[in-house]
Amino acid sequence: MDYRELPQSELNSNIPQGRGMIKWAPFATMPEQYENVDKMIEAQLHVPEPCLTEDLLQALELKLRELIDCNVVLRYWSGGYEHQIECKIEHIDNWSRVVTVSKGVSLVYVEFKHIFEVREYDWI
């Protein structure tokens, strides 16, 4: 039996409409669970401050002084995270032990004791 060929008067007009178009939404019954997972992921990203020997610090300082006005990749620790920037070494302050680097037009100040790697970088 083909319902498309029946006259309109013989069709049952009491047909439920259904849910219509419903967009997909993630099932989140426990928002605390998502907060805890985010905290766990954040905790995994924290790293302890590197502990460098005096010999390594002296070698690093010599290398930094050689690379003043050169483009470098500088890796340092700050606030529980490791950071890496491509920059140009501008100045090393002997008294405060702060290295000033330029990234584009902005200046970044990094404490010498937090730097753990520096490599020369040729910008292409």
PDB file of N, CA and C in Angstrom:
ATOM      1  N   MET A   1       0.845  -1.158   0.000  1.00  0.00           N
ATOM      2  CA  MET A   1       0.000   0.000   0.000  1.00  0.00           C
ATOM      3  C   MET A   1       0.902   1.236   0.000  1.00  0.00           C
ATOM      4  N   ASP A   2       0.697   2.123  -0.949  1.00  0.00           N
ATOM      5  CA  ASP A   2       1.503   3.324  -1.075  1.00  0.00           C
ATOM      6  C   ASP A   2       0.720   4.497  -0.492  1.00  0.00           C
ATOM      7  N   TYR A   3       1.204   5.078   0.591  1.00  0.00           N
ATOM      8  CA  TYR A   3       0.504   6.167   1.279  1.00  0.00           C
ATOM      9  C   TYR A   3       0.520   7.468   0.468  1.00  0.00           C
ATOM     10  N   ARG A   4       1.447   7.578  -0.477  1.00  0.00           N
ATOM     11  CA  ARG A   4       1.520   8.778  -1.292  1.00  0.00           C
ATOM     12  C   ARG A   4       0.337   8.896  -2.255  1.00  0.00           C
ATOM     13  N   GLU A   5      -0.296   7.744  -2.566  1.00  0.00           N
ATOM     14  CA  GLU A   5      -1.403   7.770  -3.521  1.00  0.00           C
ATOM     15  C   GLU A   5      -2.762   7.858  -2.841  1.00  0.00           C
ATOM     16  N   LEU A   6      -2.840   7.777  -1.502  1.00  0.00           N
ATOM     17  CA  LEU A   6      -4.120   7.893  -0.794  1.00  0.00           C
ATOM     18  C   LEU A   6      -4.565   9.346  -0.770  1.00  0.00           C
ATOM     19  N   PRO A   7      -5.858   9.596  -0.795  1.00  0.00           N
ATOM     20  CA  PRO A   7      -6.339  10.965  -0.674  1.00  0.00           C
ATOM     21  C   PRO A   7      -6.056  11.512   0.722  1.00  0.00           C
ATOM     22  N   GLN A   8      -5.927  12.821   0.842  1.00  0.00           N
ATOM     23  CA  GLN A   8      -5.594  13.506   2.088  1.00  0.00           C
ATOM     24  C   GLN A   8      -6.597  13.201   3.183  1.00  0.00           C
ATOM     25  N   SER A   9      -7.867  13.008   2.848  1.00  0.00           N
ATOM     26  CA  SER A   9      -8.912  12.779   3.849  1.00  0.00           C
ATOM     27  C   SER A   9      -8.775  11.431   4.527  1.00  0.00           C
ATOM     28  N   GLU A  10      -8.148  10.452   3.883  1.00  0.00           N
ATOM     29  CA  GLU A  10      -8.006   9.117   4.465  1.00  0.00           C
ATOM     30  C   GLU A  10      -6.737   8.972   5.311  1.00  0.00           C
ATOM     31  N   LEU A  11      -5.847   9.908   5.247  1.00  0.00           N
ATOM     32  CA  LEU A  11      -4.602   9.834   6.024  1.00  0.00           C
ATOM     33  C   LEU A  11      -4.849  10.274   7.463  1.00  0.00           C
ATOM     34  N   ASN A  12      -4.135   9.690   8.399  1.00  0.00           N
ATOM     35  CA  ASN A  12      -4.237  10.032   9.818  1.00  0.00           C
ATOM     36  C   ASN A  12      -3.473  11.337  10.043  1.00  0.00           C
ATOM     37  N   SER A  13      -4.155  12.369  10.493  1.00  0.00           N
ATOM     38  CA  SER A  13      -3.510  13.668  10.705  1.00  0.00           C
ATOM     39  C   SER A  13      -2.878  13.793  12.079  1.00  0.00           C
ATOM     40  N   ASN A  14      -2.988  12.779  12.920  1.00  0.00           N
ATOM     41  CA  ASN A  14      -2.445  12.804  14.279  1.00  0.00           C
ATOM     42  C   ASN A  14      -1.080  12.105  14.319  1.00  0.00           C
ATOM     43  N   ILE A  15      -0.135  12.555  13.521  1.00  0.00           N
ATOM     44  CA  ILE A  15       1.203  11.963  13.472  1.00  0.00           C
ATOM     45  C   ILE A  15       2.129  12.860  14.286  1.00  0.00           C
ATOM     46  N   PRO A  16       2.893  12.297  15.222  1.00  0.00           N
ATOM     47  CA  PRO A  16       3.794  13.131  16.022  1.00  0.00           C
ATOM     48  C   PRO A  16       4.872  13.779  15.140  1.00  0.00           C
ATOM     49  N   GLN A  17       5.258  14.981  15.532  1.00  0.00           N
ATOM     50  CA  GLN A  17       6.199  15.773  14.744  1.00  0.00           C
ATOM     51  C   GLN A  17       7.635  15.258  14.879  1.00  0.00           C
ATOM     52  N   GLY A  18       7.999  14.706  16.007  1.00  0.00           N
ATOM     53  CA  GLY A  18       9.375  14.256  16.218  1.00  0.00           C
ATOM     54  C   GLY A  18      10.207  15.348  16.866  1.00  0.00           C
ATOM     55  N   ARG A  19      11.508  15.126  16.969  1.00  0.00           N
ATOM     56  CA  ARG A  19      12.380  16.083  17.649  1.00  0.00           C
ATOM     57  C   ARG A  19      12.893  17.173  16.735  1.00  0.00           C
ATOM     58  N   GLY A  20      12.760  17.007  15.459  1.00  0.00           N
ATOM     59  CA  GLY A  20      13.264  18.031  14.550  1.00  0.00           C
ATOM     60  C   GLY A  20      14.783  17.986  14.483  1.00  0.00           C
ATOM     61  N   MET A  21      15.391  19.080  14.123  1.00  0.00           N
ATOM     62  CA  MET A  21      16.845  19.168  13.985  1.00  0.00           C
ATOM     63  C   MET A  21      17.462  19.494  15.344  1.00  0.00           C
ATOM     64  N   ILE A  22      18.246  18.563  15.888  1.00  0.00           N
ATOM     65  CA  ILE A  22      18.908  18.755  17.178  1.00  0.00           C
ATOM     66  C   ILE A  22      20.409  18.710  16.941  1.00  0.00           C
ATOM     67  N   LYS A  23      21.105  19.732  17.391  1.00  0.00           N
ATOM     68  CA  LYS A  23      22.551  19.777  17.223  1.00  0.00           C
ATOM     69  C   LYS A  23      23.221  18.889  18.258  1.00  0.00           C
ATOM     70  N   TRP A  24      24.363  18.348  17.859  1.00  0.00           N
ATOM     71  CA  TRP A  24      25.107  17.484  18.751  1.00  0.00           C
ATOM     72  C   TRP A  24      25.755  18.319  19.836  1.00  0.00           C
ATOM     73  N   ALA A  25      25.670  17.833  21.058  1.00  0.00           N
ATOM     74  CA  ALA A  25      26.325  18.484  22.190  1.00  0.00           C
ATOM     75  C   ALA A  25      27.042  17.413  23.002  1.00  0.00           C
ATOM     76  N   PRO A  26      28.257  17.678  23.483  1.00  0.00           N
ATOM     77  CA  PRO A  26      28.954  16.667  24.274  1.00  0.00           C
ATOM     78  C   PRO A  26      28.221  16.399  25.583  1.00  0.00           C
ATOM     79  N   PHE A  27      28.364  15.171  26.028  1.00  0.00           N
ATOM     80  CA  PHE A  27      27.695  14.754  27.251  1.00  0.00           C
ATOM     81  C   PHE A  27      28.594  15.108  28.429  1.00  0.00           C
ATOM     82  N   ALA A  28      28.217  16.094  29.192  1.00  0.00           N
ATOM     83  CA  ALA A  28      29.027  16.549  30.325  1.00  0.00           C
ATOM     84  C   ALA A  28      28.154  16.596  31.569  1.00  0.00           C
ATOM     85  N   THR A  29      28.101  15.482  32.271  1.00  0.00           N
ATOM     86  CA  THR A  29      27.283  15.461  33.484  1.00  0.00           C
ATOM     87  C   THR A  29      28.071  15.898  34.702  1.00  0.00           C
ATOM     88  N   MET A  30      29.411  15.772  34.632  1.00  0.00           N
ATOM     89  CA  MET A  30      30.234  16.099  35.791  1.00  0.00           C
ATOM     90  C   MET A  30      31.301  17.122  35.387  1.00  0.00           C
ATOM     91  N   PRO A  31      31.005  18.406  35.467  1.00  0.00           N
ATOM     92  CA  PRO A  31      32.017  19.402  35.082  1.00  0.00           C
ATOM     93  C   PRO A  31      33.257  19.350  35.957  1.00  0.00           C
ATOM     94  N   GLU A  32      33.113  18.857  37.185  1.00  0.00           N
ATOM     95  CA  GLU A  32      34.278  18.744  38.073  1.00  0.00           C
ATOM     96  C   GLU A  32      35.306  17.789  37.474  1.00  0.00           C
ATOM     97  N   GLN A  33      34.821  16.764  36.764  1.00  0.00           N
ATOM     98  CA  GLN A  33      35.730  15.802  36.149  1.00  0.00           C
ATOM     99  C   GLN A  33      36.600  16.501  35.109  1.00  0.00           C
ATOM    100  N   TYR A  34      36.001  17.349  34.295  1.00  0.00           N
ATOM    101  CA  TYR A  34      36.765  18.070  33.280  1.00  0.00           C
ATOM    102  C   TYR A  34      37.756  19.026  33.928  1.00  0.00           C
ATOM    103  N   GLU A  35      37.371  19.680  35.002  1.00  0.00           N
ATOM    104  CA  GLU A  35      38.280  20.578  35.710  1.00  0.00           C
ATOM    105  C   GLU A  35      39.472  19.806  36.265  1.00  0.00           C
ATOM    106  N   ASN A  36      39.215  18.631  36.839  1.00  0.00           N
ATOM    107  CA  ASN A  36      40.300  17.821  37.398  1.00  0.00           C
ATOM    108  C   ASN A  36      41.238  17.317  36.304  1.00  0.00           C
ATOM    109  N   VAL A  37      40.691  16.920  35.165  1.00  0.00           N
ATOM    110  CA  VAL A  37      41.538  16.463  34.065  1.00  0.00           C
ATOM    111  C   VAL A  37      42.402  17.615  33.561  1.00  0.00           C
ATOM    112  N   ASP A  38      41.824  18.816  33.446  1.00  0.00           N
ATOM    113  CA  ASP A  38      42.603  19.983  33.028  1.00  0.00           C
ATOM    114  C   ASP A  38      43.730  20.280  34.017  1.00  0.00           C
ATOM    115  N   LYS A  39      43.443  20.148  35.322  1.00  0.00           N
ATOM    116  CA  LYS A  39      44.478  20.376  36.331  1.00  0.00           C
ATOM    117  C   LYS A  39      45.589  19.343  36.229  1.00  0.00           C
ATOM    118  N   MET A  40      45.223  18.092  35.951  1.00  0.00           N
ATOM    119  CA  MET A  40      46.223  17.031  35.821  1.00  0.00           C
ATOM    120  C   MET A  40      47.113  17.278  34.597  1.00  0.00           C
ATOM    121  N   ILE A  41      46.517  17.702  33.486  1.00  0.00           N
ATOM    122  CA  ILE A  41      47.301  17.999  32.292  1.00  0.00           C
ATOM    123  C   ILE A  41      48.236  19.170  32.563  1.00  0.00           C
ATOM    124  N   GLU A  42      47.735  20.182  33.250  1.00  0.00           N
ATOM    125  CA  GLU A  42      48.547  21.354  33.605  1.00  0.00           C
ATOM    126  C   GLU A  42      49.712  20.946  34.506  1.00  0.00           C
ATOM    127  N   ALA A  43      49.458  20.044  35.459  1.00  0.00           N
ATOM    128  CA  ALA A  43      50.503  19.596  36.385  1.00  0.00           C
ATOM    129  C   ALA A  43      51.587  18.804  35.654  1.00  0.00           C
ATOM    130  N   GLN A  44      51.209  18.093  34.597  1.00  0.00           N
ATOM    131  CA  GLN A  44      52.195  17.323  33.844  1.00  0.00           C
ATOM    132  C   GLN A  44      53.141  18.225  33.060  1.00  0.00           C
ATOM    133  N   LEU A  45      52.690  19.424  32.721  1.00  0.00           N
ATOM    134  CA  LEU A  45      53.517  20.338  31.947  1.00  0.00           C
ATOM    135  C   LEU A  45      54.547  21.072  32.799  1.00  0.00           C
ATOM    136  N   HIS A  46      54.331  21.119  34.102  1.00  0.00           N
ATOM    137  CA  HIS A  46      55.291  21.785  34.991  1.00  0.00           C
ATOM    138  C   HIS A  46      56.575  20.974  35.068  1.00  0.00           C
ATOM    139  N   VAL A  47      57.685  21.681  35.033  1.00  0.00           N
ATOM    140  CA  VAL A  47      58.988  21.028  35.166  1.00  0.00           C
ATOM    141  C   VAL A  47      59.770  21.741  36.256  1.00  0.00           C
ATOM    142  N   PRO A  48      60.613  21.016  36.973  1.00  0.00           N
ATOM    143  CA  PRO A  48      61.409  21.672  38.017  1.00  0.00           C
ATOM    144  C   PRO A  48      62.488  22.558  37.390  1.00  0.00           C
ATOM    145  N   GLU A  49      62.950  23.515  38.167  1.00  0.00           N
ATOM    146  CA  GLU A  49      63.994  24.410  37.695  1.00  0.00           C
ATOM    147  C   GLU A  49      65.270  23.614  37.450  1.00  0.00           C
ATOM    148  N   PRO A  50      65.937  23.847  36.311  1.00  0.00           N
ATOM    149  CA  PRO A  50      67.152  23.076  36.034  1.00  0.00           C
ATOM    150  C   PRO A  50      68.263  23.413  37.027  1.00  0.00           C
ATOM    151  N   CYS A  51      68.990  22.417  37.415  1.00  0.00           N
ATOM    152  CA  CYS A  51      70.101  22.590  38.348  1.00  0.00           C
ATOM    153  C   CYS A  51      71.394  22.432  37.545  1.00  0.00           C
ATOM    154  N   LEU A  52      72.042  23.549  37.265  1.00  0.00           N
ATOM    155  CA  LEU A  52      73.245  23.536  36.435  1.00  0.00           C
ATOM    156  C   LEU A  52      74.489  23.669  37.311  1.00  0.00           C
ATOM    157  N   THR A  53      75.543  22.964  36.928  1.00  0.00           N
ATOM    158  CA  THR A  53      76.799  23.034  37.658  1.00  0.00           C
ATOM    159  C   THR A  53      77.508  24.345  37.320  1.00  0.00           C
ATOM    160  N   GLU A  54      78.482  24.710  38.129  1.00  0.00           N
ATOM    161  CA  GLU A  54      79.235  25.944  37.907  1.00  0.00           C
ATOM    162  C   GLU A  54      79.978  25.905  36.566  1.00  0.00           C
ATOM    163  N   ASP A  55      80.533  24.737  36.220  1.00  0.00           N
ATOM    164  CA  ASP A  55      81.242  24.609  34.950  1.00  0.00           C
ATOM    165  C   ASP A  55      80.301  24.856  33.772  1.00  0.00           C
ATOM    166  N   LEU A  56      79.108  24.288  33.854  1.00  0.00           N
ATOM    167  CA  LEU A  56      78.125  24.467  32.796  1.00  0.00           C
ATOM    168  C   LEU A  56      77.664  25.920  32.696  1.00  0.00           C
ATOM    169  N   LEU A  57      77.510  26.578  33.852  1.00  0.00           N
ATOM    170  CA  LEU A  57      77.116  27.987  33.860  1.00  0.00           C
ATOM    171  C   LEU A  57      78.196  28.871  33.236  1.00  0.00           C
ATOM    172  N   GLN A  58      79.459  28.573  33.535  1.00  0.00           N
ATOM    173  CA  GLN A  58      80.545  29.354  32.962  1.00  0.00           C
ATOM    174  C   GLN A  58      80.623  29.164  31.446  1.00  0.00           C
ATOM    175  N   ALA A  59      80.461  27.927  30.986  1.00  0.00           N
ATOM    176  CA  ALA A  59      80.484  27.659  29.544  1.00  0.00           C
ATOM    177  C   ALA A  59      79.313  28.346  28.853  1.00  0.00           C
ATOM    178  N   LEU A  60      78.165  28.339  29.505  1.00  0.00           N
ATOM    179  CA  LEU A  60      76.977  28.991  28.958  1.00  0.00           C
ATOM    180  C   LEU A  60      77.163  30.508  28.877  1.00  0.00           C
ATOM    181  N   GLU A  61      77.786  31.080  29.911  1.00  0.00           N
ATOM    182  CA  GLU A  61      78.029  32.525  29.912  1.00  0.00           C
ATOM    183  C   GLU A  61      79.001  32.911  28.807  1.00  0.00           C
ATOM    184  N   LEU A  62      80.059  32.136  28.623  1.00  0.00           N
ATOM    185  CA  LEU A  62      81.004  32.416  27.548  1.00  0.00           C
ATOM    186  C   LEU A  62      80.324  32.348  26.182  1.00  0.00           C
ATOM    187  N   LYS A  63      79.490  31.357  26.005  1.00  0.00           N
ATOM    188  CA  LYS A  63      78.784  31.202  24.740  1.00  0.00           C
ATOM    189  C   LYS A  63      77.821  32.370  24.510  1.00  0.00           C
ATOM    190  N   LEU A  64      77.133  32.805  25.569  1.00  0.00           N
ATOM    191  CA  LEU A  64      76.226  33.946  25.456  1.00  0.00           C
ATOM    192  C   LEU A  64      76.990  35.208  25.057  1.00  0.00           C
ATOM    193  N   ARG A  65      78.143  35.416  25.675  1.00  0.00           N
ATOM    194  CA  ARG A  65      78.939  36.613  25.374  1.00  0.00           C
ATOM    195  C   ARG A  65      79.469  36.578  23.943  1.00  0.00           C
ATOM    196  N   GLU A  66      79.791  35.387  23.434  1.00  0.00           N
ATOM    197  CA  GLU A  66      80.244  35.260  22.052  1.00  0.00           C
ATOM    198  C   GLU A  66      79.121  35.591  21.066  1.00  0.00           C
ATOM    199  N   LEU A  67      77.891  35.289  21.462  1.00  0.00           N
ATOM    200  CA  LEU A  67      76.761  35.417  20.542  1.00  0.00           C
ATOM    201  C   LEU A  67      75.984  36.721  20.698  1.00  0.00           C
ATOM    202  N   ILE A  68      76.567  37.730  21.360  1.00  0.00           N
ATOM    203  CA  ILE A  68      75.890  39.034  21.449  1.00  0.00           C
ATOM    204  C   ILE A  68      75.756  39.590  20.035  1.00  0.00           C
ATOM    205  N   ASP A  69      74.598  40.137  19.739  1.00  0.00           N
ATOM    206  CA  ASP A  69      74.225  40.664  18.418  1.00  0.00           C
ATOM    207  C   ASP A  69      74.080  39.570  17.364  1.00  0.00           C
ATOM    208  N   CYS A  70      73.876  38.339  17.807  1.00  0.00           N
ATOM    209  CA  CYS A  70      73.623  37.238  16.880  1.00  0.00           C
ATOM    210  C   CYS A  70      72.219  36.691  17.121  1.00  0.00           C
ATOM    211  N   ASN A  71      71.676  36.052  16.093  1.00  0.00           N
ATOM    212  CA  ASN A  71      70.383  35.389  16.238  1.00  0.00           C
ATOM    213  C   ASN A  71      70.593  34.025  16.878  1.00  0.00           C
ATOM    214  N   VAL A  72      69.807  33.744  17.917  1.00  0.00           N
ATOM    215  CA  VAL A  72      69.968  32.505  18.664  1.00  0.00           C
ATOM    216  C   VAL A  72      68.595  31.888  18.975  1.00  0.00           C
ATOM    217  N   VAL A  73      68.641  30.614  19.327  1.00  0.00           N
ATOM    218  CA  VAL A  73      67.496  29.943  19.925  1.00  0.00           C
ATOM    219  C   VAL A  73      67.832  29.814  21.399  1.00  0.00           C
ATOM    220  N   LEU A  74      67.037  30.459  22.231  1.00  0.00           N
ATOM    221  CA  LEU A  74      67.302  30.516  23.671  1.00  0.00           C
ATOM    222  C   LEU A  74      66.254  29.687  24.388  1.00  0.00           C
ATOM    223  N   ARG A  75      66.716  28.727  25.186  1.00  0.00           N
ATOM    224  CA  ARG A  75      65.800  27.921  25.997  1.00  0.00           C
ATOM    225  C   ARG A  75      66.036  28.282  27.453  1.00  0.00           C
ATOM    226  N   TYR A  76      64.920  28.575  28.151  1.00  0.00           N
ATOM    227  CA  TYR A  76      65.035  28.978  29.546  1.00  0.00           C
ATOM    228  C   TYR A  76      63.820  28.498  30.317  1.00  0.00           C
ATOM    229  N   TRP A  77      63.944  28.535  31.633  1.00  0.00           N
ATOM    230  CA  TRP A  77      62.891  28.103  32.548  1.00  0.00           C
ATOM    231  C   TRP A  77      62.271  29.342  33.173  1.00  0.00           C
ATOM    232  N   SER A  78      60.935  29.356  33.263  1.00  0.00           N
ATOM    233  CA  SER A  78      60.268  30.491  33.891  1.00  0.00           C
ATOM    234  C   SER A  78      58.907  30.050  34.430  1.00  0.00           C
ATOM    235  N   GLY A  79      58.714  30.229  35.724  1.00  0.00           N
ATOM    236  CA  GLY A  79      57.415  29.963  36.331  1.00  0.00           C
ATOM    237  C   GLY A  79      56.944  28.529  36.236  1.00  0.00           C
ATOM    238  N   GLY A  80      57.844  27.581  36.198  1.00  0.00           N
ATOM    239  CA  GLY A  80      57.456  26.180  36.147  1.00  0.00           C
ATOM    240  C   GLY A  80      57.372  25.609  34.744  1.00  0.00           C
ATOM    241  N   TYR A  81      57.693  26.389  33.736  1.00  0.00           N
ATOM    242  CA  TYR A  81      57.619  25.933  32.353  1.00  0.00           C
ATOM    243  C   TYR A  81      58.922  26.202  31.636  1.00  0.00           C
ATOM    244  N   GLU A  82      59.215  25.367  30.634  1.00  0.00           N
ATOM    245  CA  GLU A  82      60.345  25.612  29.749  1.00  0.00           C
ATOM    246  C   GLU A  82      59.854  26.452  28.587  1.00  0.00           C
ATOM    247  N   HIS A  83      60.643  27.457  28.214  1.00  0.00           N
ATOM    248  CA  HIS A  83      60.304  28.317  27.094  1.00  0.00           C
ATOM    249  C   HIS A  83      61.442  28.283  26.088  1.00  0.00           C
ATOM    250  N   GLN A  84      61.087  28.479  24.833  1.00  0.00           N
ATOM    251  CA  GLN A  84      62.085  28.539  23.769  1.00  0.00           C
ATOM    252  C   GLN A  84      61.706  29.691  22.847  1.00  0.00           C
ATOM    253  N   ILE A  85      62.648  30.581  22.601  1.00  0.00           N
ATOM    254  CA  ILE A  85      62.381  31.692  21.692  1.00  0.00           C
ATOM    255  C   ILE A  85      63.539  31.864  20.723  1.00  0.00           C
ATOM    256  N   GLU A  86      63.197  32.292  19.524  1.00  0.00           N
ATOM    257  CA  GLU A  86      64.192  32.666  18.528  1.00  0.00           C
ATOM    258  C   GLU A  86      64.351  34.178  18.652  1.00  0.00           C
ATOM    259  N   CYS A  87      65.544  34.623  18.980  1.00  0.00           N
ATOM    260  CA  CYS A  87      65.730  36.036  19.303  1.00  0.00           C
ATOM    261  C   CYS A  87      67.148  36.470  18.973  1.00  0.00           C
ATOM    262  N   LYS A  88      67.435  37.727  19.299  1.00  0.00           N
ATOM    263  CA  LYS A  88      68.766  38.293  19.128  1.00  0.00           C
ATOM    264  C   LYS A  88      69.240  38.791  20.490  1.00  0.00           C
ATOM    265  N   ILE A  89      70.428  38.378  20.900  1.00  0.00           N
ATOM    266  CA  ILE A  89      70.961  38.796  22.201  1.00  0.00           C
ATOM    267  C   ILE A  89      71.417  40.244  22.089  1.00  0.00           C
ATOM    268  N   GLU A  90      70.865  41.099  22.919  1.00  0.00           N
ATOM    269  CA  GLU A  90      71.181  42.523  22.883  1.00  0.00           C
ATOM    270  C   GLU A  90      72.229  42.911  23.925  1.00  0.00           C
ATOM    271  N   HIS A  91      72.044  42.447  25.186  1.00  0.00           N
ATOM    272  CA  HIS A  91      72.899  42.917  26.271  1.00  0.00           C
ATOM    273  C   HIS A  91      72.887  41.903  27.407  1.00  0.00           C
ATOM    274  N   ILE A  92      74.024  41.811  28.091  1.00  0.00           N
ATOM    275  CA  ILE A  92      74.118  40.999  29.307  1.00  0.00           C
ATOM    276  C   ILE A  92      74.556  41.941  30.419  1.00  0.00           C
ATOM    277  N   ASP A  93      73.703  42.073  31.427  1.00  0.00           N
ATOM    278  CA  ASP A  93      73.998  42.954  32.557  1.00  0.00           C
ATOM    279  C   ASP A  93      74.771  42.151  33.595  1.00  0.00           C
ATOM    280  N   ASN A  94      76.021  42.551  33.867  1.00  0.00           N
ATOM    281  CA  ASN A  94      76.873  41.818  34.805  1.00  0.00           C
ATOM    282  C   ASN A  94      76.388  41.935  36.243  1.00  0.00           C
ATOM    283  N   TRP A  95      75.862  43.078  36.596  1.00  0.00           N
ATOM    284  CA  TRP A  95      75.457  43.296  37.978  1.00  0.00           C
ATOM    285  C   TRP A  95      74.181  42.534  38.342  1.00  0.00           C
ATOM    286  N   SER A  96      73.142  42.660  37.526  1.00  0.00           N
ATOM    287  CA  SER A  96      71.865  42.003  37.857  1.00  0.00           C
ATOM    288  C   SER A  96      71.751  40.602  37.267  1.00  0.00           C
ATOM    289  N   ARG A  97      72.701  40.205  36.422  1.00  0.00           N
ATOM    290  CA  ARG A  97      72.708  38.875  35.804  1.00  0.00           C
ATOM    291  C   ARG A  97      71.435  38.641  34.981  1.00  0.00           C
ATOM    292  N   VAL A  98      71.065  39.673  34.214  1.00  0.00           N
ATOM    293  CA  VAL A  98      69.893  39.597  33.345  1.00  0.00           C
ATOM    294  C   VAL A  98      70.352  39.720  31.897  1.00  0.00           C
ATOM    295  N   VAL A  99      69.831  38.831  31.053  1.00  0.00           N
ATOM    296  CA  VAL A  99      70.143  38.851  29.635  1.00  0.00           C
ATOM    297  C   VAL A  99      68.974  39.519  28.915  1.00  0.00           C
ATOM    298  N   THR A 100      69.268  40.536  28.123  1.00  0.00           N
ATOM    299  CA  THR A 100      68.245  41.235  27.355  1.00  0.00           C
ATOM    300  C   THR A 100      68.296  40.734  25.919  1.00  0.00           C
ATOM    301  N   VAL A 101      67.160  40.232  25.436  1.00  0.00           N
ATOM    302  CA  VAL A 101      67.069  39.753  24.063  1.00  0.00           C
ATOM    303  C   VAL A 101      65.919  40.468  23.367  1.00  0.00           C
ATOM    304  N   SER A 102      66.026  40.572  22.043  1.00  0.00           N
ATOM    305  CA  SER A 102      64.947  41.204  21.291  1.00  0.00           C
ATOM    306  C   SER A 102      64.280  40.156  20.416  1.00  0.00           C
ATOM    307  N   LYS A 103      62.968  40.176  20.487  1.00  0.00           N
ATOM    308  CA  LYS A 103      62.140  39.293  19.662  1.00  0.00           C
ATOM    309  C   LYS A 103      61.253  40.204  18.837  1.00  0.00           C
ATOM    310  N   GLY A 104      61.625  40.412  17.579  1.00  0.00           N
ATOM    311  CA  GLY A 104      60.907  41.397  16.769  1.00  0.00           C
ATOM    312  C   GLY A 104      61.200  42.788  17.287  1.00  0.00           C
ATOM    313  N   VAL A 105      60.158  43.512  17.664  1.00  0.00           N
ATOM    314  CA  VAL A 105      60.344  44.869  18.191  1.00  0.00           C
ATOM    315  C   VAL A 105      60.287  44.905  19.713  1.00  0.00           C
ATOM    316  N   SER A 106      59.975  43.791  20.337  1.00  0.00           N
ATOM    317  CA  SER A 106      59.855  43.779  21.804  1.00  0.00           C
ATOM    318  C   SER A 106      61.122  43.226  22.446  1.00  0.00           C
ATOM    319  N   LEU A 107      61.380  43.684  23.663  1.00  0.00           N
ATOM    320  CA  LEU A 107      62.518  43.207  24.450  1.00  0.00           C
ATOM    321  C   LEU A 107      62.040  42.213  25.489  1.00  0.00           C
ATOM    322  N   VAL A 108      62.814  41.171  25.686  1.00  0.00           N
ATOM    323  CA  VAL A 108      62.518  40.148  26.691  1.00  0.00           C
ATOM    324  C   VAL A 108      63.713  40.089  27.629  1.00  0.00           C
ATOM    325  N   TYR A 109      63.431  40.087  28.926  1.00  0.00           N
ATOM    326  CA  TYR A 109      64.490  40.024  29.937  1.00  0.00           C
ATOM    327  C   TYR A 109      64.451  38.645  30.589  1.00  0.00           C
ATOM    328  N   VAL A 110      65.583  37.947  30.544  1.00  0.00           N
ATOM    329  CA  VAL A 110      65.672  36.594  31.085  1.00  0.00           C
ATOM    330  C   VAL A 110      66.797  36.561  32.105  1.00  0.00           C
ATOM    331  N   GLU A 111      66.510  36.040  33.282  1.00  0.00           N
ATOM    332  CA  GLU A 111      67.559  35.894  34.288  1.00  0.00           C
ATOM    333  C   GLU A 111      68.543  34.826  33.830  1.00  0.00           C
ATOM    334  N   PHE A 112      69.808  35.130  34.004  1.00  0.00           N
ATOM    335  CA  PHE A 112      70.845  34.216  33.534  1.00  0.00           C
ATOM    336  C   PHE A 112      70.732  32.832  34.177  1.00  0.00           C
ATOM    337  N   LYS A 113      70.351  32.795  35.453  1.00  0.00           N
ATOM    338  CA  LYS A 113      70.312  31.507  36.154  1.00  0.00           C
ATOM    339  C   LYS A 113      69.220  30.582  35.614  1.00  0.00           C
ATOM    340  N   HIS A 114      68.266  31.116  34.833  1.00  0.00           N
ATOM    341  CA  HIS A 114      67.187  30.292  34.290  1.00  0.00           C
ATOM    342  C   HIS A 114      67.478  29.780  32.880  1.00  0.00           C
ATOM    343  N   ILE A 115      68.531  30.298  32.246  1.00  0.00           N
ATOM    344  CA  ILE A 115      68.885  29.853  30.894  1.00  0.00           C
ATOM    345  C   ILE A 115      69.619  28.526  30.991  1.00  0.00           C
ATOM    346  N   PHE A 116      69.197  27.551  30.170  1.00  0.00           N
ATOM    347  CA  PHE A 116      69.908  26.283  30.205  1.00  0.00           C
ATOM    348  C   PHE A 116      70.408  25.833  28.833  1.00  0.00           C
ATOM    349  N   GLU A 117      70.067  26.567  27.769  1.00  0.00           N
ATOM    350  CA  GLU A 117      70.620  26.213  26.459  1.00  0.00           C
ATOM    351  C   GLU A 117      70.554  27.425  25.537  1.00  0.00           C
ATOM    352  N   VAL A 118      71.598  27.590  24.728  1.00  0.00           N
ATOM    353  CA  VAL A 118      71.615  28.648  23.717  1.00  0.00           C
ATOM    354  C   VAL A 118      72.300  28.082  22.481  1.00  0.00           C
ATOM    355  N   ARG A 119      71.666  28.283  21.321  1.00  0.00           N
ATOM    356  CA  ARG A 119      72.224  27.807  20.053  1.00  0.00           C
ATOM    357  C   ARG A 119      72.161  28.928  19.031  1.00  0.00           C
ATOM    358  N   GLU A 120      73.190  29.024  18.229  1.00  0.00           N
ATOM    359  CA  GLU A 120      73.171  30.032  17.163  1.00  0.00           C
ATOM    360  C   GLU A 120      72.151  29.601  16.109  1.00  0.00           C
ATOM    361  N   TYR A 121      71.462  30.596  15.562  1.00  0.00           N
ATOM    362  CA  TYR A 121      70.370  30.320  14.637  1.00  0.00           C
ATOM    363  C   TYR A 121      70.489  31.262  13.452  1.00  0.00           C
ATOM    364  N   ASP A 122      70.550  30.709  12.256  1.00  0.00           N
ATOM    365  CA  ASP A 122      70.629  31.523  11.035  1.00  0.00           C
ATOM    366  C   ASP A 122      69.229  31.686  10.471  1.00  0.00           C
ATOM    367  N   TRP A 123      68.766  32.930  10.446  1.00  0.00           N
ATOM    368  CA  TRP A 123      67.440  33.218   9.891  1.00  0.00           C
ATOM    369  C   TRP A 123      67.572  33.187   8.376  1.00  0.00           C
ATOM    370  N   ILE A 124      66.680  32.521   7.757  1.00  0.00           N
ATOM    371  CA  ILE A 124      66.728  32.397   6.291  1.00  0.00           C
ATOM    372  C   ILE A 124      65.862  33.454   5.654  1.00  0.00           C
TER     373      ILE A 124
END
